[in-house]
Amino acid sequence: MPTIEFPDGTVIRDGVEIVNHFESLNDNLHAPGTLGQRAVSRLLDAIASAEFWRPCMYYRWNLDQSNREFL
């Protein structure tokens, strides 16, 4: 699980929330601007998180030691 701890002790333990935190520091310059773009972005987030969960877990836990350097 992606985790980041800041010097003040604040901890964020979710990849999306980490990205949102750093985007908010720059006034969300890279966030979708219109309502339609935001809707499509959320839809793609939902599809990607559901569809890529299984392959991500496979690559994280099931590859042998010979591939560790590559990973």
N, C-alpha and C. Protein backbone atom coordinates (compact mmCIF):
# COMPACT_ATOMS: atom_id res chain seq x y z
N MET A 1 0.85 -1.17 0.00
CA MET A 1 0.00 0.00 0.00
C MET A 1 0.90 1.24 0.00
N PRO A 2 0.68 2.14 -0.94
CA PRO A 2 1.49 3.36 -0.94
C PRO A 2 1.25 4.17 0.33
N THR A 3 2.34 4.57 0.95
CA THR A 3 2.26 5.34 2.19
C THR A 3 3.30 6.44 2.15
N ILE A 4 2.92 7.61 2.64
CA ILE A 4 3.87 8.71 2.76
C ILE A 4 3.68 9.33 4.14
N GLU A 5 4.80 9.61 4.79
CA GLU A 5 4.76 10.27 6.10
C GLU A 5 5.50 11.59 6.00
N PHE A 6 4.87 12.65 6.44
CA PHE A 6 5.44 13.98 6.38
C PHE A 6 6.16 14.29 7.68
N PRO A 7 7.08 15.26 7.67
CA PRO A 7 7.84 15.61 8.87
C PRO A 7 6.96 15.99 10.07
N ASP A 8 5.76 16.51 9.81
CA ASP A 8 4.88 16.90 10.92
C ASP A 8 4.12 15.71 11.51
N GLY A 9 4.35 14.50 10.97
CA GLY A 9 3.71 13.29 11.48
C GLY A 9 2.47 12.87 10.72
N THR A 10 2.01 13.68 9.78
CA THR A 10 0.85 13.33 8.97
C THR A 10 1.19 12.15 8.08
N VAL A 11 0.28 11.18 8.01
CA VAL A 11 0.47 9.99 7.18
C VAL A 11 -0.69 9.88 6.21
N ILE A 12 -0.37 9.64 4.93
CA ILE A 12 -1.39 9.37 3.91
C ILE A 12 -1.10 7.98 3.37
N ARG A 13 -2.13 7.10 3.37
CA ARG A 13 -1.93 5.71 3.00
C ARG A 13 -2.77 5.27 1.80
N ASP A 14 -2.90 6.09 0.81
CA ASP A 14 -3.65 5.72 -0.38
C ASP A 14 -3.04 6.46 -1.57
N GLY A 15 -2.77 5.74 -2.65
CA GLY A 15 -2.13 6.34 -3.81
C GLY A 15 -2.88 7.52 -4.38
N VAL A 16 -4.21 7.40 -4.48
CA VAL A 16 -5.02 8.48 -5.03
C VAL A 16 -4.95 9.70 -4.12
N GLU A 17 -5.03 9.48 -2.82
CA GLU A 17 -4.99 10.61 -1.88
C GLU A 17 -3.61 11.27 -1.87
N ILE A 18 -2.55 10.50 -2.09
CA ILE A 18 -1.21 11.07 -2.17
C ILE A 18 -1.12 11.99 -3.39
N VAL A 19 -1.60 11.50 -4.53
CA VAL A 19 -1.59 12.32 -5.75
C VAL A 19 -2.45 13.57 -5.55
N ASN A 20 -3.63 13.40 -4.97
CA ASN A 20 -4.50 14.55 -4.72
C ASN A 20 -3.83 15.57 -3.81
N HIS A 21 -3.11 15.10 -2.82
CA HIS A 21 -2.41 16.02 -1.90
C HIS A 21 -1.40 16.88 -2.66
N PHE A 22 -0.57 16.25 -3.49
CA PHE A 22 0.45 17.02 -4.20
C PHE A 22 -0.15 17.88 -5.30
N GLU A 23 -1.23 17.44 -5.92
CA GLU A 23 -1.90 18.28 -6.91
C GLU A 23 -2.50 19.51 -6.25
N SER A 24 -3.03 19.35 -5.04
CA SER A 24 -3.63 20.50 -4.35
C SER A 24 -2.59 21.55 -3.99
N LEU A 25 -1.34 21.15 -3.84
CA LEU A 25 -0.28 22.13 -3.56
C LEU A 25 -0.04 23.05 -4.75
N ASN A 26 -0.40 22.59 -5.95
CA ASN A 26 -0.23 23.38 -7.17
C ASN A 26 -1.56 23.86 -7.73
N ASP A 27 -2.55 24.05 -6.87
CA ASP A 27 -3.87 24.52 -7.28
C ASP A 27 -4.54 23.61 -8.30
N ASN A 28 -4.27 22.32 -8.23
CA ASN A 28 -4.88 21.31 -9.11
C ASN A 28 -4.72 21.65 -10.59
N LEU A 29 -3.53 22.05 -10.98
CA LEU A 29 -3.28 22.44 -12.37
C LEU A 29 -3.50 21.29 -13.35
N HIS A 30 -3.33 20.06 -12.89
CA HIS A 30 -3.44 18.91 -13.80
C HIS A 30 -4.77 18.17 -13.65
N ALA A 31 -5.66 18.69 -12.83
CA ALA A 31 -6.97 18.07 -12.65
C ALA A 31 -7.88 18.47 -13.82
N PRO A 32 -8.83 17.58 -14.18
CA PRO A 32 -9.77 17.93 -15.25
C PRO A 32 -10.55 19.19 -14.91
N GLY A 33 -10.77 20.03 -15.91
CA GLY A 33 -11.38 21.32 -15.68
C GLY A 33 -12.90 21.34 -15.71
N THR A 34 -13.50 20.59 -16.61
CA THR A 34 -14.96 20.65 -16.75
C THR A 34 -15.62 19.49 -16.03
N LEU A 35 -16.91 19.60 -15.83
CA LEU A 35 -17.68 18.56 -15.16
C LEU A 35 -17.61 17.25 -15.96
N GLY A 36 -17.72 17.32 -17.26
CA GLY A 36 -17.64 16.13 -18.11
C GLY A 36 -16.28 15.44 -18.01
N GLN A 37 -15.21 16.24 -18.03
CA GLN A 37 -13.87 15.67 -17.90
C GLN A 37 -13.67 15.02 -16.54
N ARG A 38 -14.20 15.64 -15.50
CA ARG A 38 -14.08 15.06 -14.16
C ARG A 38 -14.85 13.74 -14.07
N ALA A 39 -16.03 13.67 -14.70
CA ALA A 39 -16.82 12.45 -14.69
C ALA A 39 -16.09 11.32 -15.40
N VAL A 40 -15.52 11.60 -16.56
CA VAL A 40 -14.77 10.59 -17.30
C VAL A 40 -13.53 10.16 -16.51
N SER A 41 -12.87 11.11 -15.88
CA SER A 41 -11.70 10.79 -15.07
C SER A 41 -12.05 9.86 -13.93
N ARG A 42 -13.15 10.13 -13.23
CA ARG A 42 -13.59 9.25 -12.13
C ARG A 42 -13.97 7.87 -12.64
N LEU A 43 -14.62 7.81 -13.80
CA LEU A 43 -14.98 6.53 -14.39
C LEU A 43 -13.74 5.71 -14.71
N LEU A 44 -12.74 6.34 -15.33
CA LEU A 44 -11.50 5.64 -15.64
C LEU A 44 -10.77 5.19 -14.38
N ASP A 45 -10.81 6.00 -13.33
CA ASP A 45 -10.23 5.60 -12.04
C ASP A 45 -10.90 4.34 -11.52
N ALA A 46 -12.22 4.29 -11.58
CA ALA A 46 -12.97 3.14 -11.07
C ALA A 46 -12.68 1.89 -11.88
N ILE A 47 -12.66 2.02 -13.20
CA ILE A 47 -12.39 0.87 -14.06
C ILE A 47 -10.98 0.36 -13.84
N ALA A 48 -10.01 1.27 -13.80
CA ALA A 48 -8.62 0.87 -13.64
C ALA A 48 -8.38 0.21 -12.30
N SER A 49 -8.96 0.74 -11.23
CA SER A 49 -8.72 0.15 -9.92
C SER A 49 -9.36 -1.23 -9.82
N ALA A 50 -10.49 -1.44 -10.47
CA ALA A 50 -11.15 -2.74 -10.43
C ALA A 50 -10.45 -3.75 -11.34
N GLU A 51 -10.06 -3.32 -12.52
CA GLU A 51 -9.48 -4.23 -13.50
C GLU A 51 -8.01 -4.56 -13.27
N PHE A 52 -7.27 -3.64 -12.69
CA PHE A 52 -5.83 -3.87 -12.51
C PHE A 52 -5.47 -4.45 -11.16
N TRP A 53 -6.44 -4.60 -10.26
CA TRP A 53 -6.15 -5.11 -8.93
C TRP A 53 -5.53 -6.51 -8.98
N ARG A 54 -6.15 -7.40 -9.72
CA ARG A 54 -5.66 -8.78 -9.78
C ARG A 54 -4.25 -8.89 -10.39
N PRO A 55 -3.98 -8.29 -11.58
CA PRO A 55 -2.62 -8.38 -12.11
C PRO A 55 -1.58 -7.71 -11.21
N CYS A 56 -1.97 -6.63 -10.54
CA CYS A 56 -1.03 -5.95 -9.65
C CYS A 56 -0.65 -6.86 -8.48
N MET A 57 -1.62 -7.53 -7.92
CA MET A 57 -1.33 -8.44 -6.81
C MET A 57 -0.49 -9.62 -7.29
N TYR A 58 -0.74 -10.09 -8.51
CA TYR A 58 0.05 -11.18 -9.06
C TYR A 58 1.52 -10.76 -9.18
N TYR A 59 1.78 -9.64 -9.81
CA TYR A 59 3.16 -9.19 -9.99
C TYR A 59 3.82 -8.83 -8.68
N ARG A 60 3.05 -8.41 -7.71
CA ARG A 60 3.64 -8.06 -6.43
C ARG A 60 4.08 -9.29 -5.66
N TRP A 61 3.29 -10.37 -5.68
CA TRP A 61 3.54 -11.49 -4.78
C TRP A 61 3.98 -12.78 -5.45
N ASN A 62 3.80 -12.97 -6.75
CA ASN A 62 4.02 -14.29 -7.35
C ASN A 62 5.24 -14.41 -8.26
N LEU A 63 6.02 -13.40 -8.43
CA LEU A 63 7.18 -13.53 -9.31
C LEU A 63 8.39 -14.02 -8.51
N ASP A 64 9.17 -14.86 -9.18
CA ASP A 64 10.30 -15.45 -8.48
C ASP A 64 11.46 -14.47 -8.32
N GLN A 65 12.45 -14.87 -7.58
CA GLN A 65 13.57 -13.98 -7.23
C GLN A 65 14.36 -13.51 -8.45
N SER A 66 14.37 -14.26 -9.53
CA SER A 66 15.15 -13.84 -10.70
C SER A 66 14.60 -12.56 -11.33
N ASN A 67 13.36 -12.22 -11.07
CA ASN A 67 12.77 -11.01 -11.63
C ASN A 67 12.80 -9.84 -10.67
N ARG A 68 13.30 -10.01 -9.48
CA ARG A 68 13.28 -8.94 -8.48
C ARG A 68 14.04 -7.69 -8.94
N GLU A 69 15.18 -7.90 -9.59
CA GLU A 69 15.97 -6.74 -10.05
C GLU A 69 15.19 -5.97 -11.11
N PHE A 70 14.51 -6.68 -12.01
CA PHE A 70 13.70 -6.04 -13.04
C PHE A 70 12.55 -5.24 -12.43
N LEU A 71 11.88 -5.83 -11.42
CA LEU A 71 10.74 -5.17 -10.80
C LEU A 71 11.19 -3.95 -10.06
